[in-house]
Amino acid sequence: MSFIKRAVLYCIRQRFKTAILFLTLTIIATFLLTGIAIRDAADGATADVRSSIGGKIMLEPDTEGNMGGGVQNQWGTVYGYTGDLITPDIVAAISRVDGVVDYNSEDTAAYYGAGVDFNYLPAAFNLSYTPYGEASSYTATLSSEKCAAFQSGKYKLTAGRHITPDDRQACLISKELADYNGLAVGNSVNMYSLDTDDVTKFKIVGIFDGTEGTSGNALTVDEIPANCGYIDYSSMFELFGNELTGYQQLTIYVDDPTGVQSVYDRIATLPELKGKTLKLSIDTEEYDGVSSPLEPVQKSVNIMIAIIVAVSAVILALLLTIRVRSRKTEIGILLSVGISRANIILQLFAEAVLTAVISFSAAVPLSIFTAEKAGNFLTSASLDVKINAEYLLPVSLIGLLLIALAVTVSSWTVVRSSPRDILTKTS
């Protein structure tokens, strides 16, 4: 009779002992599947955070030692930056650096425009310091989608599209202002700039919301958020000509925040930045804030899996030792009729493996429930915890290794004895 047939007959005959082993292996497999699922979910969430947020590198003028000697006027001494600005050539060079996925410059209240053919929402004071009434402020940007208000979710695009670096005479306005004037995406508006004494036609490429209920008791129209919008940076260069030669700041987006230092080093060595009074700095605050809840989860789950494996090995060894010691007579008889020690150990191994096959199958539906509950308990972050079919392979391999070790340890002290010693002690 083969060892496999003997193993099957034993499992059928000793139903209670088989049931205990089945429950033990099911619990072990459930814990292992749960741990692997949570670990992969945390790894996946971290990867998603990296790709969606990325890292940031800031390029700004270095004002230290570059503010000139100061000019006296009736209010005191006025200092102005006398160093370099971030030119389009520098931006183009940075955009070609490996690891850079996007960039943006955002200059709040860079442009003040009075409505030539439209009206702003009224404020407490009706000022008319331009031929077309009061002016409101606009943020000049290369990419409005990357501006702080849109990144934070404060503003949301409801119609049209965002401003891009290729735009000319483009603007975004609030839904409140659009509704107030009956404007829509595709319409054009004329604005007068007191700084340049020019009227510029801007095409509305997008409309955003998020300004509702924020006007408060505004004294001037530019204090009402709904009156403030966004324009493309190219229009600023055209309007101000030689007075504006570059950007005040540049936010550089990196694909992977963990590799931001290497991208920083490559940018720092660009010839276009050599000798310029500009400074680079790394900003991973947003990524750190989002990913920090996930890091302890990853560490905790790895520790948990290690503990599960260690405890499982001990429990299996103890359980199988009890089973083997209760079968000394059976083992002694098998040895006395010429069954080899290796064949007996293989029978014990086969008994555990046959039970494990059923146990691991039963552990799958149980682990689906426990993985979701454990994921919610371990972190406040949203983890998409799923039990995938490929998890059964590592769990099965770990299970087979644990069973092999436990069977070897538990059976060796009995099997290595002679049949006479075993039967004598039993009798």
Protein backbone atom coordinates (compact mmCIF):
# COMPACT_ATOMS: atom_id res chain seq x y z
CA MET A 1 0.00 0.00 0.00
CA SER A 2 1.43 3.39 -0.99
CA PHE A 3 1.95 6.19 1.52
CA ILE A 4 -0.65 8.34 -0.30
CA LYS A 5 -3.35 5.66 0.09
CA ARG A 6 -2.48 5.23 3.77
CA ALA A 7 -2.69 9.05 4.22
CA VAL A 8 -6.15 9.21 2.62
CA LEU A 9 -7.45 6.33 4.73
CA TYR A 10 -6.09 7.91 7.92
CA CYS A 11 -7.76 11.27 7.18
CA ILE A 12 -11.10 9.54 6.56
CA ARG A 13 -10.79 7.30 9.63
CA GLN A 14 -9.59 10.01 12.05
CA ARG A 15 -12.17 12.67 11.22
CA PHE A 16 -11.86 14.58 14.51
CA LYS A 17 -8.07 14.91 14.33
CA THR A 18 -8.33 15.86 10.66
CA ALA A 19 -10.93 18.53 11.51
CA ILE A 20 -8.60 20.08 14.11
CA LEU A 21 -5.76 20.23 11.59
CA PHE A 22 -8.18 21.62 8.98
CA LEU A 23 -9.27 24.47 11.26
CA THR A 24 -5.66 25.25 12.22
CA LEU A 25 -4.48 25.40 8.60
CA THR A 26 -7.54 27.43 7.55
CA ILE A 27 -6.81 30.07 10.18
CA ILE A 28 -3.13 30.22 9.20
CA ALA A 29 -3.99 30.56 5.50
CA THR A 30 -6.60 33.24 6.21
CA PHE A 31 -4.12 35.33 8.18
CA LEU A 32 -1.46 34.94 5.48
CA LEU A 33 -3.85 35.88 2.66
CA THR A 34 -5.07 38.87 4.66
CA GLY A 35 -1.55 40.09 5.35
CA ILE A 36 -0.42 39.75 1.73
CA ALA A 37 -3.57 41.51 0.47
CA ILE A 38 -3.14 44.47 2.82
CA ARG A 39 0.57 44.73 2.01
CA ASP A 40 -0.14 44.81 -1.73
CA ALA A 41 -2.97 47.32 -1.23
CA ALA A 42 -0.66 49.63 0.73
CA ASP A 43 2.06 49.25 -1.93
CA GLY A 44 -0.49 50.00 -4.66
CA ALA A 45 -1.86 53.02 -2.80
CA THR A 46 1.68 54.36 -2.33
CA ALA A 47 2.39 53.91 -6.03
CA ASP A 48 -0.85 55.71 -6.91
CA VAL A 49 0.09 58.58 -4.61
CA ARG A 50 3.51 58.82 -6.24
CA SER A 51 2.07 58.98 -9.75
CA SER A 52 -0.82 61.35 -8.92
CA ILE A 53 1.06 63.78 -6.67
CA GLY A 54 4.69 63.28 -7.60
CA GLY A 55 7.45 65.42 -6.18
CA LYS A 56 7.99 69.13 -6.58
CA ILE A 57 11.09 71.21 -7.13
CA MET A 58 10.85 74.96 -6.71
CA LEU A 59 12.96 77.40 -8.74
CA GLU A 60 12.87 80.96 -7.41
CA PRO A 61 14.92 84.16 -7.47
CA ASP A 62 17.59 84.28 -4.79
CA THR A 63 16.83 87.60 -3.09
CA GLU A 64 19.72 87.37 -0.61
CA GLY A 65 22.24 89.98 -1.62
CA ASN A 66 20.32 90.83 -4.79
CA MET A 67 17.91 93.55 -3.66
CA GLY A 68 19.94 96.56 -4.80
CA GLY A 69 20.85 99.63 -2.76
CA GLY A 70 17.31 100.88 -2.26
CA VAL A 71 15.51 104.01 -3.47
CA GLN A 72 14.24 106.71 -1.14
CA ASN A 73 10.70 108.02 -1.51
CA GLN A 74 8.15 109.73 0.74
CA TRP A 75 7.29 106.43 2.46
CA GLY A 76 10.87 105.32 3.10
CA THR A 77 13.40 103.12 1.29
CA VAL A 78 12.11 100.83 -1.46
CA TYR A 79 14.16 97.82 -2.49
CA GLY A 80 13.76 95.93 -5.75
CA TYR A 81 15.15 92.60 -6.91
CA THR A 82 18.09 93.18 -9.25
CA GLY A 83 18.97 89.56 -10.06
CA ASP A 84 17.90 87.11 -12.75
CA LEU A 85 14.39 85.94 -13.58
CA ILE A 86 13.37 82.54 -14.88
CA THR A 87 13.41 82.95 -18.64
CA PRO A 88 11.50 80.83 -21.18
CA ASP A 89 14.85 79.34 -22.28
CA ILE A 90 15.47 78.09 -18.74
CA VAL A 91 11.96 76.61 -18.61
CA ALA A 92 12.51 74.85 -21.94
CA ALA A 93 15.80 73.35 -20.71
CA ILE A 94 14.21 72.13 -17.48
CA SER A 95 11.30 70.54 -19.38
CA ARG A 96 13.78 68.31 -21.22
CA VAL A 97 15.37 66.93 -18.03
CA ASP A 98 14.70 63.22 -17.48
CA GLY A 99 12.13 62.77 -14.70
CA VAL A 100 10.40 66.13 -15.19
CA VAL A 101 6.77 65.53 -16.15
CA ASP A 102 5.31 69.03 -15.91
CA TYR A 103 5.92 72.56 -14.71
CA ASN A 104 3.95 75.68 -13.85
CA SER A 105 4.39 79.29 -12.91
CA GLU A 106 1.66 81.01 -10.92
CA ASP A 107 1.81 84.75 -10.26
CA THR A 108 -1.15 85.90 -8.19
CA ALA A 109 -2.64 89.32 -9.02
CA ALA A 110 -0.14 89.76 -11.83
CA TYR A 111 -2.70 91.46 -14.07
CA TYR A 112 -5.44 93.96 -13.26
CA GLY A 113 -8.11 94.31 -15.92
CA ALA A 114 -11.21 96.50 -16.08
CA GLY A 115 -14.19 95.10 -17.96
CA VAL A 116 -14.69 96.94 -21.24
CA ASP A 117 -17.70 94.95 -22.43
CA PHE A 118 -18.73 93.14 -19.23
CA ASN A 119 -19.34 94.03 -15.58
CA TYR A 120 -17.87 92.71 -12.37
CA LEU A 121 -20.01 91.72 -9.41
CA PRO A 122 -20.44 94.98 -7.48
CA ALA A 123 -18.63 95.80 -4.23
CA ALA A 124 -19.39 98.36 -1.53
CA PHE A 125 -17.31 101.07 -3.20
CA ASN A 126 -18.01 101.84 -6.84
CA LEU A 127 -14.58 103.08 -7.88
CA SER A 128 -13.85 104.39 -11.39
CA TYR A 129 -10.12 104.88 -11.63
CA THR A 130 -10.05 103.62 -15.25
CA PRO A 131 -12.14 104.69 -18.25
CA TYR A 132 -14.08 101.43 -17.79
CA GLY A 133 -14.58 101.43 -14.05
CA GLU A 134 -12.82 99.39 -11.42
CA ALA A 135 -10.33 96.65 -12.30
CA SER A 136 -10.08 93.16 -10.80
CA SER A 137 -7.04 90.92 -10.42
CA TYR A 138 -6.04 87.90 -12.48
CA THR A 139 -3.46 85.22 -11.80
CA ALA A 140 -0.98 84.73 -14.64
CA THR A 141 -0.17 81.07 -15.17
CA LEU A 142 1.37 78.59 -17.57
CA SER A 143 -0.98 75.78 -16.56
CA SER A 144 -4.10 76.68 -14.57
CA GLU A 145 -4.72 73.02 -13.74
CA LYS A 146 -1.54 73.07 -11.63
CA CYS A 147 -2.50 76.24 -9.75
CA ALA A 148 -2.93 75.91 -5.99
CA ALA A 149 -6.70 76.54 -5.90
CA PHE A 150 -7.38 73.77 -8.42
CA GLN A 151 -4.85 71.35 -6.91
CA SER A 152 -6.42 71.73 -3.47
CA GLY A 153 -9.95 71.27 -4.81
CA LYS A 154 -11.05 74.76 -3.82
CA TYR A 155 -11.87 75.49 -7.47
CA LYS A 156 -13.17 73.00 -9.99
CA LEU A 157 -13.45 73.39 -13.74
CA THR A 158 -17.11 73.05 -14.78
CA ALA A 159 -16.93 73.95 -18.48
CA GLY A 160 -14.25 74.18 -21.14
CA ARG A 161 -10.61 73.44 -20.43
CA HIS A 162 -7.62 74.70 -18.49
CA ILE A 163 -5.05 77.24 -19.66
CA THR A 164 -1.93 75.60 -21.14
CA PRO A 165 1.56 76.98 -21.96
CA ASP A 166 0.57 77.20 -25.65
CA ASP A 167 -2.34 79.58 -25.04
CA ARG A 168 -2.42 83.23 -26.15
CA GLN A 169 -5.01 85.73 -24.86
CA ALA A 170 -6.87 83.03 -22.95
CA CYS A 171 -8.67 83.34 -19.63
CA LEU A 172 -10.62 81.42 -17.03
CA ILE A 173 -13.51 83.13 -15.23
CA SER A 174 -15.78 82.05 -12.41
CA LYS A 175 -19.25 80.65 -13.00
CA GLU A 176 -20.68 83.48 -10.92
CA LEU A 177 -19.12 86.11 -13.18
CA ALA A 178 -20.12 84.20 -16.32
CA ASP A 179 -23.74 83.92 -15.17
CA TYR A 180 -23.80 87.58 -14.12
CA ASN A 181 -22.83 88.64 -17.65
CA GLY A 182 -24.37 85.80 -19.67
CA LEU A 183 -20.95 84.61 -20.81
CA ALA A 184 -19.97 81.11 -21.92
CA VAL A 185 -16.91 79.16 -23.03
CA GLY A 186 -15.81 80.39 -26.44
CA ASN A 187 -16.95 83.99 -25.85
CA SER A 188 -14.40 86.80 -25.86
CA VAL A 189 -14.12 89.66 -23.36
CA ASN A 190 -12.14 92.89 -23.60
CA MET A 191 -10.14 94.10 -20.60
CA TYR A 192 -8.35 97.38 -20.04
CA SER A 193 -5.01 97.44 -18.22
CA LEU A 194 -4.21 100.65 -16.34
CA ASP A 195 -0.55 99.54 -16.11
CA THR A 196 -0.09 99.45 -19.89
CA ASP A 197 -3.08 101.56 -21.02
CA ASP A 198 -4.01 98.76 -23.42
CA VAL A 199 -7.25 96.92 -24.20
CA THR A 200 -6.73 93.18 -24.73
CA LYS A 201 -9.26 90.69 -26.05
CA PHE A 202 -9.26 87.42 -24.07
CA LYS A 203 -11.05 84.26 -25.11
CA ILE A 204 -12.83 82.37 -22.33
CA VAL A 205 -11.44 78.83 -22.53
CA GLY A 206 -12.84 77.61 -19.20
CA ILE A 207 -15.27 78.35 -16.38
CA PHE A 208 -14.75 77.26 -12.78
CA ASP A 209 -16.85 77.15 -9.63
CA GLY A 210 -15.97 77.28 -5.94
CA THR A 211 -16.39 81.02 -5.39
CA GLU A 212 -20.03 80.88 -4.34
CA GLY A 213 -20.77 82.50 -1.00
CA THR A 214 -17.27 83.91 -0.51
CA SER A 215 -17.79 87.59 -1.39
CA GLY A 216 -18.52 88.69 2.19
CA ASN A 217 -18.55 92.45 2.72
CA ALA A 218 -16.07 93.28 -0.02
CA LEU A 219 -15.13 96.92 -0.37
CA THR A 220 -13.58 96.65 -3.87
CA VAL A 221 -14.36 94.34 -6.77
CA ASP A 222 -10.99 92.55 -6.58
CA GLU A 223 -11.84 91.45 -3.03
CA ILE A 224 -14.67 89.32 -4.45
CA PRO A 225 -13.21 85.91 -5.47
CA ALA A 226 -15.80 85.52 -8.24
CA ASN A 227 -14.35 88.59 -9.96
CA CYS A 228 -10.82 87.17 -9.99
CA GLY A 229 -9.71 84.81 -12.72
CA TYR A 230 -6.73 83.42 -14.59
CA ILE A 231 -4.91 84.46 -17.78
CA ASP A 232 -2.09 82.89 -19.77
CA TYR A 233 1.47 84.04 -19.07
CA SER A 234 2.16 84.71 -22.76
CA SER A 235 -0.26 87.63 -22.65
CA MET A 236 1.78 89.12 -19.81
CA PHE A 237 4.95 89.06 -21.93
CA GLU A 238 3.13 90.68 -24.84
CA LEU A 239 1.54 93.35 -22.64
CA PHE A 240 4.59 94.37 -20.66
CA GLY A 241 7.24 93.80 -23.35
CA ASN A 242 10.79 94.48 -22.15
CA GLU A 243 9.55 95.23 -18.62
CA LEU A 244 8.86 91.53 -18.09
CA THR A 245 11.65 89.15 -19.10
CA GLY A 246 10.83 86.05 -17.07
CA TYR A 247 8.78 84.26 -14.45
CA GLN A 248 8.85 85.02 -10.74
CA GLN A 249 8.84 81.35 -9.79
CA LEU A 250 8.60 77.90 -11.36
CA THR A 251 7.15 74.75 -9.86
CA ILE A 252 8.71 71.66 -11.43
CA TYR A 253 6.81 68.37 -11.13
CA VAL A 254 8.69 65.08 -10.86
CA ASP A 255 7.12 61.72 -11.72
CA ASP A 256 8.33 59.92 -8.59
CA PRO A 257 8.82 61.85 -5.33
CA THR A 258 11.29 59.24 -4.08
CA GLY A 259 13.59 60.13 -7.00
CA VAL A 260 13.23 63.88 -6.67
CA GLN A 261 16.81 64.32 -5.44
CA SER A 262 18.32 62.86 -8.63
CA VAL A 263 16.13 65.12 -10.78
CA TYR A 264 17.14 68.07 -8.59
CA ASP A 265 20.82 67.25 -9.19
CA ARG A 266 20.33 67.10 -12.96
CA ILE A 267 18.53 70.45 -13.03
CA ALA A 268 21.19 72.08 -10.84
CA THR A 269 23.88 71.24 -13.41
CA LEU A 270 22.06 72.76 -16.39
CA PRO A 271 24.23 75.31 -18.27
CA GLU A 272 21.21 77.64 -18.45
CA LEU A 273 21.29 78.03 -14.65
CA LYS A 274 25.04 78.52 -14.31
CA GLY A 275 25.88 81.89 -12.77
CA LYS A 276 22.19 82.83 -12.35
CA THR A 277 20.87 84.33 -9.09
CA LEU A 278 18.26 81.60 -8.84
CA LYS A 279 17.81 78.94 -6.15
CA LEU A 280 16.40 75.41 -6.24
CA SER A 281 14.58 73.70 -3.39
CA ILE A 282 12.79 70.38 -3.00
CA ASP A 283 9.15 70.28 -1.86
CA THR A 284 7.67 66.87 -0.96
CA GLU A 285 5.33 68.18 1.74
CA GLU A 286 2.16 67.22 -0.14
CA TYR A 287 3.41 63.70 -0.88
CA ASP A 288 4.68 63.21 2.68
CA GLY A 289 1.34 64.31 4.09
CA VAL A 290 -0.64 61.86 1.97
CA SER A 291 1.75 58.90 2.08
CA SER A 292 2.67 59.09 5.78
CA PRO A 293 -0.43 57.12 6.92
CA LEU A 294 0.54 54.31 4.52
CA GLU A 295 4.14 53.85 5.68
CA PRO A 296 3.30 52.45 9.14
CA VAL A 297 0.77 50.13 7.50
CA GLN A 298 3.44 48.65 5.25
CA LYS A 299 5.82 48.13 8.19
CA SER A 300 3.07 46.72 10.42
CA VAL A 301 1.88 44.26 7.78
CA ASN A 302 5.41 42.99 7.06
CA ILE A 303 5.94 42.44 10.78
CA MET A 304 2.53 40.79 11.04
CA ILE A 305 3.31 38.35 8.20
CA ALA A 306 6.62 37.40 9.84
CA ILE A 307 4.88 36.83 13.18
CA ILE A 308 2.15 34.74 11.51
CA VAL A 309 4.76 32.50 9.86
CA ALA A 310 6.73 32.05 13.09
CA VAL A 311 3.68 31.36 15.26
CA SER A 312 2.20 29.05 12.63
CA ALA A 313 5.39 27.00 12.55
CA VAL A 314 5.30 26.55 16.32
CA ILE A 315 1.59 25.68 16.41
CA LEU A 316 1.87 23.18 13.56
CA ALA A 317 4.92 21.56 15.14
CA LEU A 318 3.11 21.15 18.47
CA LEU A 319 -0.09 19.87 16.86
CA LEU A 320 1.69 17.34 14.65
CA THR A 321 3.91 16.24 17.55
CA ILE A 322 0.80 15.35 19.55
CA ARG A 323 -0.61 13.47 16.53
CA VAL A 324 2.61 11.53 15.96
CA ARG A 325 3.07 10.55 19.62
CA SER A 326 -0.48 9.19 19.71
CA ARG A 327 0.45 6.95 16.74
CA LYS A 328 3.56 5.27 18.12
CA THR A 329 2.05 1.81 17.86
CA GLU A 330 1.03 2.39 14.24
CA ILE A 331 4.51 3.71 13.35
CA GLY A 332 6.21 0.81 15.17
CA ILE A 333 4.14 -1.74 13.24
CA LEU A 334 4.88 -0.02 9.92
CA LEU A 335 8.58 -0.06 10.67
CA SER A 336 8.47 -3.73 11.75
CA VAL A 337 6.85 -4.84 8.49
CA GLY A 338 9.57 -3.12 6.46
CA ILE A 339 8.10 0.31 5.68
CA SER A 340 10.99 2.76 5.49
CA ARG A 341 11.28 5.81 7.71
CA ALA A 342 11.19 8.10 4.66
CA ASN A 343 7.95 6.44 3.51
CA ILE A 344 6.33 7.01 6.91
CA ILE A 345 7.41 10.67 6.98
CA LEU A 346 5.97 11.09 3.48
CA GLN A 347 2.67 9.64 4.71
CA LEU A 348 2.54 12.16 7.56
CA PHE A 349 3.41 14.94 5.12
CA ALA A 350 0.73 13.78 2.64
CA GLU A 351 -1.93 13.76 5.40
CA ALA A 352 -1.18 17.37 6.23
CA VAL A 353 -0.99 18.42 2.56
CA LEU A 354 -4.34 16.81 1.69
CA THR A 355 -5.93 18.70 4.58
CA ALA A 356 -4.14 21.90 3.57
CA VAL A 357 -5.57 21.81 0.03
CA ILE A 358 -9.10 21.98 1.40
CA SER A 359 -8.09 24.46 4.11
CA PHE A 360 -6.52 26.93 1.71
CA SER A 361 -9.60 26.83 -0.52
CA ALA A 362 -11.84 27.55 2.46
CA ALA A 363 -9.55 30.39 3.57
CA VAL A 364 -10.20 32.43 0.41
CA PRO A 365 -13.78 33.58 1.22
CA LEU A 366 -12.84 34.11 4.86
CA SER A 367 -9.84 36.26 3.98
CA ILE A 368 -11.95 38.49 1.69
CA PHE A 369 -13.95 39.54 4.75
CA THR A 370 -11.03 39.79 7.18
CA ALA A 371 -8.78 41.69 4.72
CA GLU A 372 -11.31 44.50 4.30
CA LYS A 373 -11.90 44.80 8.05
CA ALA A 374 -8.19 44.70 8.87
CA GLY A 375 -7.40 47.32 6.21
CA ASN A 376 -9.95 49.72 7.68
CA PHE A 377 -8.63 49.09 11.18
CA LEU A 378 -4.96 49.64 10.37
CA THR A 379 -5.28 52.93 8.52
CA SER A 380 -7.63 55.83 7.90
CA ALA A 381 -6.39 55.94 4.29
CA SER A 382 -8.59 54.43 1.60
CA LEU A 383 -7.13 51.02 0.76
CA ASP A 384 -8.56 48.87 -2.01
CA VAL A 385 -7.92 45.51 -0.33
CA LYS A 386 -8.62 42.55 -2.62
CA ILE A 387 -7.81 38.86 -2.51
CA ASN A 388 -6.33 37.90 -5.87
CA ALA A 389 -5.91 34.38 -7.22
CA GLU A 390 -2.15 34.81 -7.50
CA TYR A 391 -1.91 35.12 -3.71
CA LEU A 392 -2.62 31.38 -3.40
CA LEU A 393 0.81 30.52 -4.85
CA PRO A 394 2.95 32.24 -2.15
CA VAL A 395 0.53 31.12 0.57
CA SER A 396 0.71 27.53 -0.70
CA LEU A 397 4.50 27.62 -0.84
CA ILE A 398 4.72 29.04 2.69
CA GLY A 399 2.19 26.46 3.85
CA LEU A 400 4.10 23.55 2.31
CA LEU A 401 7.35 24.78 3.86
CA LEU A 402 5.73 25.08 7.30
CA ILE A 403 4.16 21.63 6.98
CA ALA A 404 7.45 20.07 5.87
CA LEU A 405 9.32 21.59 8.81
CA ALA A 406 6.60 20.70 11.30
CA VAL A 407 6.33 17.08 10.07
CA THR A 408 10.11 16.62 10.15
CA VAL A 409 10.46 18.03 13.67
CA SER A 410 7.45 16.23 15.11
CA SER A 411 8.13 12.78 13.61
CA TRP A 412 11.88 12.48 13.83
CA THR A 413 12.09 11.58 17.53
CA VAL A 414 9.67 8.69 17.01
CA VAL A 415 10.61 7.47 13.54
CA ARG A 416 14.35 7.30 14.30
CA SER A 417 13.74 4.75 17.08
CA SER A 418 13.79 1.03 16.35
CA PRO A 419 10.46 -0.88 16.05
CA ARG A 420 11.30 -2.89 19.19
CA ASP A 421 11.90 0.24 21.28
CA ILE A 422 8.72 1.88 20.02
CA LEU A 423 6.52 -1.18 20.65
CA THR A 424 8.17 -1.94 24.00
CA LYS A 425 7.54 1.57 25.30
CA THR A 426 4.01 1.47 23.96
CA SER A 427 3.20 -1.83 25.63
